[in-house]
Amino acid sequence: MRQHMLNGWLVAALLALVCLLGITAYVEVRKDLPRVACIHYQTAVNQRSAGLDACGTVCCGNPITRA
């Protein structure tokens, strides 16, 4: 009986871990999406020489923050 309870708690902990990892990945992708879209737009119009800093201020309207 105790083994079944421990298995249940283990499954619950693993499920919670997967959910937290998924939420973290979602937030990171959502935070980085405007920068990626801006870079894609800059490349599409052949303004690659403008660089990432110009993209952050000119194209997207907000500066790019780097970790």
PDB file of N, CA and C in Angstrom:
ATOM      1  N   MET A   1       0.823  -1.191   0.000  1.00  0.00           N
ATOM      2  CA  MET A   1       0.000   0.000   0.000  1.00  0.00           C
ATOM      3  C   MET A   1       0.873   1.263   0.000  1.00  0.00           C
ATOM      4  N   ARG A   2       1.940   1.250   0.797  1.00  0.00           N
ATOM      5  CA  ARG A   2       2.816   2.411   0.866  1.00  0.00           C
ATOM      6  C   ARG A   2       3.520   2.640  -0.475  1.00  0.00           C
ATOM      7  N   GLN A   3       3.860   1.561  -1.158  1.00  0.00           N
ATOM      8  CA  GLN A   3       4.530   1.678  -2.458  1.00  0.00           C
ATOM      9  C   GLN A   3       3.631   2.371  -3.482  1.00  0.00           C
ATOM     10  N   HIS A   4       2.341   2.089  -3.468  1.00  0.00           N
ATOM     11  CA  HIS A   4       1.405   2.726  -4.398  1.00  0.00           C
ATOM     12  C   HIS A   4       1.300   4.222  -4.111  1.00  0.00           C
ATOM     13  N   MET A   5       1.307   4.603  -2.851  1.00  0.00           N
ATOM     14  CA  MET A   5       1.253   6.033  -2.501  1.00  0.00           C
ATOM     15  C   MET A   5       2.520   6.745  -2.954  1.00  0.00           C
ATOM     16  N   LEU A   6       3.652   6.116  -2.737  1.00  0.00           N
ATOM     17  CA  LEU A   6       4.912   6.731  -3.157  1.00  0.00           C
ATOM     18  C   LEU A   6       4.983   6.868  -4.678  1.00  0.00           C
ATOM     19  N   ASN A   7       4.493   5.860  -5.382  1.00  0.00           N
ATOM     20  CA  ASN A   7       4.461   5.944  -6.844  1.00  0.00           C
ATOM     21  C   ASN A   7       3.550   7.078  -7.308  1.00  0.00           C
ATOM     22  N   GLY A   8       2.439   7.237  -6.638  1.00  0.00           N
ATOM     23  CA  GLY A   8       1.514   8.330  -6.968  1.00  0.00           C
ATOM     24  C   GLY A   8       2.153   9.695  -6.765  1.00  0.00           C
ATOM     25  N   TRP A   9       2.853   9.848  -5.649  1.00  0.00           N
ATOM     26  CA  TRP A   9       3.533  11.121  -5.389  1.00  0.00           C
ATOM     27  C   TRP A   9       4.659  11.359  -6.396  1.00  0.00           C
ATOM     28  N   LEU A  10       5.348  10.316  -6.776  1.00  0.00           N
ATOM     29  CA  LEU A  10       6.410  10.443  -7.770  1.00  0.00           C
ATOM     30  C   LEU A  10       5.849  10.899  -9.112  1.00  0.00           C
ATOM     31  N   VAL A  11       4.752  10.309  -9.517  1.00  0.00           N
ATOM     32  CA  VAL A  11       4.115  10.703 -10.782  1.00  0.00           C
ATOM     33  C   VAL A  11       3.640  12.152 -10.700  1.00  0.00           C
ATOM     34  N   ALA A  12       3.073  12.541  -9.568  1.00  0.00           N
ATOM     35  CA  ALA A  12       2.608  13.920  -9.401  1.00  0.00           C
ATOM     36  C   ALA A  12       3.785  14.898  -9.455  1.00  0.00           C
ATOM     37  N   ALA A  13       4.903  14.543  -8.828  1.00  0.00           N
ATOM     38  CA  ALA A  13       6.078  15.419  -8.842  1.00  0.00           C
ATOM     39  C   ALA A  13       6.642  15.535 -10.258  1.00  0.00           C
ATOM     40  N   LEU A  14       6.702  14.436 -10.986  1.00  0.00           N
ATOM     41  CA  LEU A  14       7.199  14.485 -12.366  1.00  0.00           C
ATOM     42  C   LEU A  14       6.284  15.310 -13.255  1.00  0.00           C
ATOM     43  N   LEU A  15       4.997  15.181 -13.078  1.00  0.00           N
ATOM     44  CA  LEU A  15       4.040  15.966 -13.854  1.00  0.00           C
ATOM     45  C   LEU A  15       4.190  17.459 -13.549  1.00  0.00           C
ATOM     46  N   ALA A  16       4.366  17.795 -12.281  1.00  0.00           N
ATOM     47  CA  ALA A  16       4.567  19.197 -11.909  1.00  0.00           C
ATOM     48  C   ALA A  16       5.861  19.738 -12.521  1.00  0.00           C
ATOM     49  N   LEU A  17       6.905  18.930 -12.526  1.00  0.00           N
ATOM     50  CA  LEU A  17       8.177  19.340 -13.116  1.00  0.00           C
ATOM     51  C   LEU A  17       8.033  19.600 -14.610  1.00  0.00           C
ATOM     52  N   VAL A  18       7.348  18.719 -15.305  1.00  0.00           N
ATOM     53  CA  VAL A  18       7.135  18.900 -16.744  1.00  0.00           C
ATOM     54  C   VAL A  18       6.321  20.162 -17.012  1.00  0.00           C
ATOM     55  N   CYS A  19       5.307  20.419 -16.201  1.00  0.00           N
ATOM     56  CA  CYS A  19       4.504  21.631 -16.371  1.00  0.00           C
ATOM     57  C   CYS A  19       5.338  22.888 -16.144  1.00  0.00           C
ATOM     58  N   LEU A  20       6.170  22.886 -15.108  1.00  0.00           N
ATOM     59  CA  LEU A  20       7.012  24.047 -14.840  1.00  0.00           C
ATOM     60  C   LEU A  20       8.034  24.272 -15.956  1.00  0.00           C
ATOM     61  N   LEU A  21       8.598  23.210 -16.470  1.00  0.00           N
ATOM     62  CA  LEU A  21       9.535  23.346 -17.588  1.00  0.00           C
ATOM     63  C   LEU A  21       8.831  23.887 -18.835  1.00  0.00           C
ATOM     64  N   GLY A  22       7.630  23.422 -19.086  1.00  0.00           N
ATOM     65  CA  GLY A  22       6.864  23.912 -20.232  1.00  0.00           C
ATOM     66  C   GLY A  22       6.518  25.385 -20.102  1.00  0.00           C
ATOM     67  N   ILE A  23       6.118  25.798 -18.912  1.00  0.00           N
ATOM     68  CA  ILE A  23       5.786  27.203 -18.682  1.00  0.00           C
ATOM     69  C   ILE A  23       7.027  28.072 -18.840  1.00  0.00           C
ATOM     70  N   THR A  24       8.146  27.613 -18.317  1.00  0.00           N
ATOM     71  CA  THR A  24       9.393  28.365 -18.439  1.00  0.00           C
ATOM     72  C   THR A  24       9.796  28.508 -19.904  1.00  0.00           C
ATOM     73  N   ALA A  25       9.710  27.434 -20.661  1.00  0.00           N
ATOM     74  CA  ALA A  25      10.056  27.495 -22.085  1.00  0.00           C
ATOM     75  C   ALA A  25       9.122  28.454 -22.825  1.00  0.00           C
ATOM     76  N   TYR A  26       7.843  28.415 -22.514  1.00  0.00           N
ATOM     77  CA  TYR A  26       6.867  29.292 -23.157  1.00  0.00           C
ATOM     78  C   TYR A  26       7.195  30.765 -22.888  1.00  0.00           C
ATOM     79  N   VAL A  27       7.527  31.077 -21.646  1.00  0.00           N
ATOM     80  CA  VAL A  27       7.839  32.461 -21.290  1.00  0.00           C
ATOM     81  C   VAL A  27       9.107  32.923 -21.993  1.00  0.00           C
ATOM     82  N   GLU A  28      10.115  32.079 -22.059  1.00  0.00           N
ATOM     83  CA  GLU A  28      11.365  32.461 -22.715  1.00  0.00           C
ATOM     84  C   GLU A  28      11.163  32.678 -24.217  1.00  0.00           C
ATOM     85  N   VAL A  29      10.399  31.820 -24.854  1.00  0.00           N
ATOM     86  CA  VAL A  29      10.142  31.973 -26.292  1.00  0.00           C
ATOM     87  C   VAL A  29       9.308  33.219 -26.540  1.00  0.00           C
ATOM     88  N   ARG A  30       8.321  33.459 -25.720  1.00  0.00           N
ATOM     89  CA  ARG A  30       7.467  34.630 -25.896  1.00  0.00           C
ATOM     90  C   ARG A  30       8.269  35.917 -25.703  1.00  0.00           C
ATOM     91  N   LYS A  31       9.222  35.903 -24.765  1.00  0.00           N
ATOM     92  CA  LYS A  31      10.043  37.074 -24.509  1.00  0.00           C
ATOM     93  C   LYS A  31      10.997  37.339 -25.678  1.00  0.00           C
ATOM     94  N   ASP A  32      11.467  36.302 -26.345  1.00  0.00           N
ATOM     95  CA  ASP A  32      12.448  36.440 -27.415  1.00  0.00           C
ATOM     96  C   ASP A  32      11.805  36.617 -28.791  1.00  0.00           C
ATOM     97  N   LEU A  33      10.515  36.397 -28.910  1.00  0.00           N
ATOM     98  CA  LEU A  33       9.841  36.430 -30.206  1.00  0.00           C
ATOM     99  C   LEU A  33       9.939  37.777 -30.914  1.00  0.00           C
ATOM    100  N   PRO A  34       9.745  38.919 -30.257  1.00  0.00           N
ATOM    101  CA  PRO A  34       9.864  40.197 -30.991  1.00  0.00           C
ATOM    102  C   PRO A  34      11.250  40.410 -31.585  1.00  0.00           C
ATOM    103  N   ARG A  35      12.306  40.019 -30.880  1.00  0.00           N
ATOM    104  CA  ARG A  35      13.661  40.188 -31.400  1.00  0.00           C
ATOM    105  C   ARG A  35      13.875  39.330 -32.631  1.00  0.00           C
ATOM    106  N   VAL A  36      13.383  38.098 -32.592  1.00  0.00           N
ATOM    107  CA  VAL A  36      13.540  37.195 -33.723  1.00  0.00           C
ATOM    108  C   VAL A  36      12.755  37.707 -34.928  1.00  0.00           C
ATOM    109  N   ALA A  37      11.557  38.198 -34.694  1.00  0.00           N
ATOM    110  CA  ALA A  37      10.751  38.735 -35.789  1.00  0.00           C
ATOM    111  C   ALA A  37      11.422  39.959 -36.394  1.00  0.00           C
ATOM    112  N   CYS A  38      12.025  40.778 -35.553  1.00  0.00           N
ATOM    113  CA  CYS A  38      12.709  41.968 -36.041  1.00  0.00           C
ATOM    114  C   CYS A  38      13.908  41.578 -36.887  1.00  0.00           C
ATOM    115  N   ILE A  39      14.692  40.629 -36.428  1.00  0.00           N
ATOM    116  CA  ILE A  39      15.859  40.180 -37.190  1.00  0.00           C
ATOM    117  C   ILE A  39      15.419  39.578 -38.514  1.00  0.00           C
ATOM    118  N   HIS A  40      14.342  38.806 -38.496  1.00  0.00           N
ATOM    119  CA  HIS A  40      13.834  38.210 -39.732  1.00  0.00           C
ATOM    120  C   HIS A  40      13.418  39.298 -40.711  1.00  0.00           C
ATOM    121  N   TYR A  41      12.746  40.329 -40.219  1.00  0.00           N
ATOM    122  CA  TYR A  41      12.313  41.425 -41.084  1.00  0.00           C
ATOM    123  C   TYR A  41      13.515  42.156 -41.664  1.00  0.00           C
ATOM    124  N   GLN A  42      14.511  42.429 -40.836  1.00  0.00           N
ATOM    125  CA  GLN A  42      15.704  43.136 -41.302  1.00  0.00           C
ATOM    126  C   GLN A  42      16.412  42.334 -42.393  1.00  0.00           C
ATOM    127  N   THR A  43      16.510  41.028 -42.212  1.00  0.00           N
ATOM    128  CA  THR A  43      17.164  40.172 -43.201  1.00  0.00           C
ATOM    129  C   THR A  43      16.355  40.135 -44.487  1.00  0.00           C
ATOM    130  N   ALA A  44      15.047  40.158 -44.370  1.00  0.00           N
ATOM    131  CA  ALA A  44      14.188  40.076 -45.547  1.00  0.00           C
ATOM    132  C   ALA A  44      14.350  41.297 -46.446  1.00  0.00           C
ATOM    133  N   VAL A  45      14.625  42.445 -45.884  1.00  0.00           N
ATOM    134  CA  VAL A  45      14.773  43.658 -46.697  1.00  0.00           C
ATOM    135  C   VAL A  45      16.239  43.997 -46.935  1.00  0.00           C
ATOM    136  N   ASN A  46      17.111  43.011 -46.717  1.00  0.00           N
ATOM    137  CA  ASN A  46      18.545  43.140 -46.986  1.00  0.00           C
ATOM    138  C   ASN A  46      19.201  44.298 -46.242  1.00  0.00           C
ATOM    139  N   GLN A  47      18.866  44.469 -44.987  1.00  0.00           N
ATOM    140  CA  GLN A  47      19.508  45.482 -44.149  1.00  0.00           C
ATOM    141  C   GLN A  47      20.274  44.783 -43.036  1.00  0.00           C
ATOM    142  N   ARG A  48      20.932  43.725 -43.376  1.00  0.00           N
ATOM    143  CA  ARG A  48      21.642  42.936 -42.381  1.00  0.00           C
ATOM    144  C   ARG A  48      22.785  43.726 -41.739  1.00  0.00           C
ATOM    145  N   SER A  49      23.346  44.661 -42.437  1.00  0.00           N
ATOM    146  CA  SER A  49      24.480  45.417 -41.898  1.00  0.00           C
ATOM    147  C   SER A  49      24.074  46.363 -40.779  1.00  0.00           C
ATOM    148  N   ALA A  50      22.774  46.586 -40.578  1.00  0.00           N
ATOM    149  CA  ALA A  50      22.321  47.500 -39.528  1.00  0.00           C
ATOM    150  C   ALA A  50      22.670  46.967 -38.148  1.00  0.00           C
ATOM    151  N   GLY A  51      22.736  45.652 -37.990  1.00  0.00           N
ATOM    152  CA  GLY A  51      23.115  45.064 -36.709  1.00  0.00           C
ATOM    153  C   GLY A  51      21.945  44.905 -35.773  1.00  0.00           C
ATOM    154  N   LEU A  52      22.193  44.200 -34.704  1.00  0.00           N
ATOM    155  CA  LEU A  52      21.124  43.900 -33.749  1.00  0.00           C
ATOM    156  C   LEU A  52      20.731  45.117 -32.929  1.00  0.00           C
ATOM    157  N   ASP A  53      21.683  45.996 -32.595  1.00  0.00           N
ATOM    158  CA  ASP A  53      21.342  47.157 -31.787  1.00  0.00           C
ATOM    159  C   ASP A  53      20.419  48.104 -32.544  1.00  0.00           C
ATOM    160  N   ALA A  54      20.687  48.313 -33.824  1.00  0.00           N
ATOM    161  CA  ALA A  54      19.825  49.170 -34.626  1.00  0.00           C
ATOM    162  C   ALA A  54      18.440  48.543 -34.755  1.00  0.00           C
ATOM    163  N   CYS A  55      18.405  47.226 -34.842  1.00  0.00           N
ATOM    164  CA  CYS A  55      17.121  46.542 -34.935  1.00  0.00           C
ATOM    165  C   CYS A  55      16.304  46.796 -33.685  1.00  0.00           C
ATOM    166  N   GLY A  56      16.936  46.755 -32.550  1.00  0.00           N
ATOM    167  CA  GLY A  56      16.224  46.939 -31.295  1.00  0.00           C
ATOM    168  C   GLY A  56      15.647  48.327 -31.152  1.00  0.00           C
ATOM    169  N   THR A  57      16.328  49.347 -31.685  1.00  0.00           N
ATOM    170  CA  THR A  57      15.841  50.707 -31.520  1.00  0.00           C
ATOM    171  C   THR A  57      15.008  51.183 -32.696  1.00  0.00           C
ATOM    172  N   VAL A  58      15.340  50.740 -33.899  1.00  0.00           N
ATOM    173  CA  VAL A  58      14.668  51.238 -35.090  1.00  0.00           C
ATOM    174  C   VAL A  58      13.458  50.387 -35.451  1.00  0.00           C
ATOM    175  N   CYS A  59      13.680  49.110 -35.620  1.00  0.00           N
ATOM    176  CA  CYS A  59      12.639  48.215 -36.119  1.00  0.00           C
ATOM    177  C   CYS A  59      11.586  47.902 -35.058  1.00  0.00           C
ATOM    178  N   CYS A  60      12.043  47.497 -33.914  1.00  0.00           N
ATOM    179  CA  CYS A  60      11.117  47.000 -32.900  1.00  0.00           C
ATOM    180  C   CYS A  60      10.639  48.084 -31.950  1.00  0.00           C
ATOM    181  N   GLY A  61      11.353  49.146 -31.848  1.00  0.00           N
ATOM    182  CA  GLY A  61      10.931  50.226 -30.977  1.00  0.00           C
ATOM    183  C   GLY A  61      11.349  50.052 -29.533  1.00  0.00           C
ATOM    184  N   ASN A  62      11.997  48.975 -29.194  1.00  0.00           N
ATOM    185  CA  ASN A  62      12.485  48.778 -27.824  1.00  0.00           C
ATOM    186  C   ASN A  62      13.867  48.174 -27.876  1.00  0.00           C
ATOM    187  N   PRO A  63      14.745  48.585 -26.976  1.00  0.00           N
ATOM    188  CA  PRO A  63      16.106  48.060 -27.007  1.00  0.00           C
ATOM    189  C   PRO A  63      16.153  46.572 -26.640  1.00  0.00           C
ATOM    190  N   ILE A  64      17.107  45.883 -27.209  1.00  0.00           N
ATOM    191  CA  ILE A  64      17.275  44.464 -26.939  1.00  0.00           C
ATOM    192  C   ILE A  64      18.077  44.321 -25.664  1.00  0.00           C
ATOM    193  N   THR A  65      17.584  43.517 -24.755  1.00  0.00           N
ATOM    194  CA  THR A  65      18.316  43.249 -23.527  1.00  0.00           C
ATOM    195  C   THR A  65      18.999  41.907 -23.658  1.00  0.00           C
ATOM    196  N   ARG A  66      20.234  41.862 -23.274  1.00  0.00           N
ATOM    197  CA  ARG A  66      20.983  40.617 -23.354  1.00  0.00           C
ATOM    198  C   ARG A  66      21.324  40.155 -21.954  1.00  0.00           C
ATOM    199  N   ALA A  67      21.284  38.836 -21.766  1.00  0.00           N
ATOM    200  CA  ALA A  67      21.586  38.281 -20.453  1.00  0.00           C
ATOM    201  C   ALA A  67      23.069  38.180 -20.224  1.00  0.00           C
TER     202      ALA A  67
END
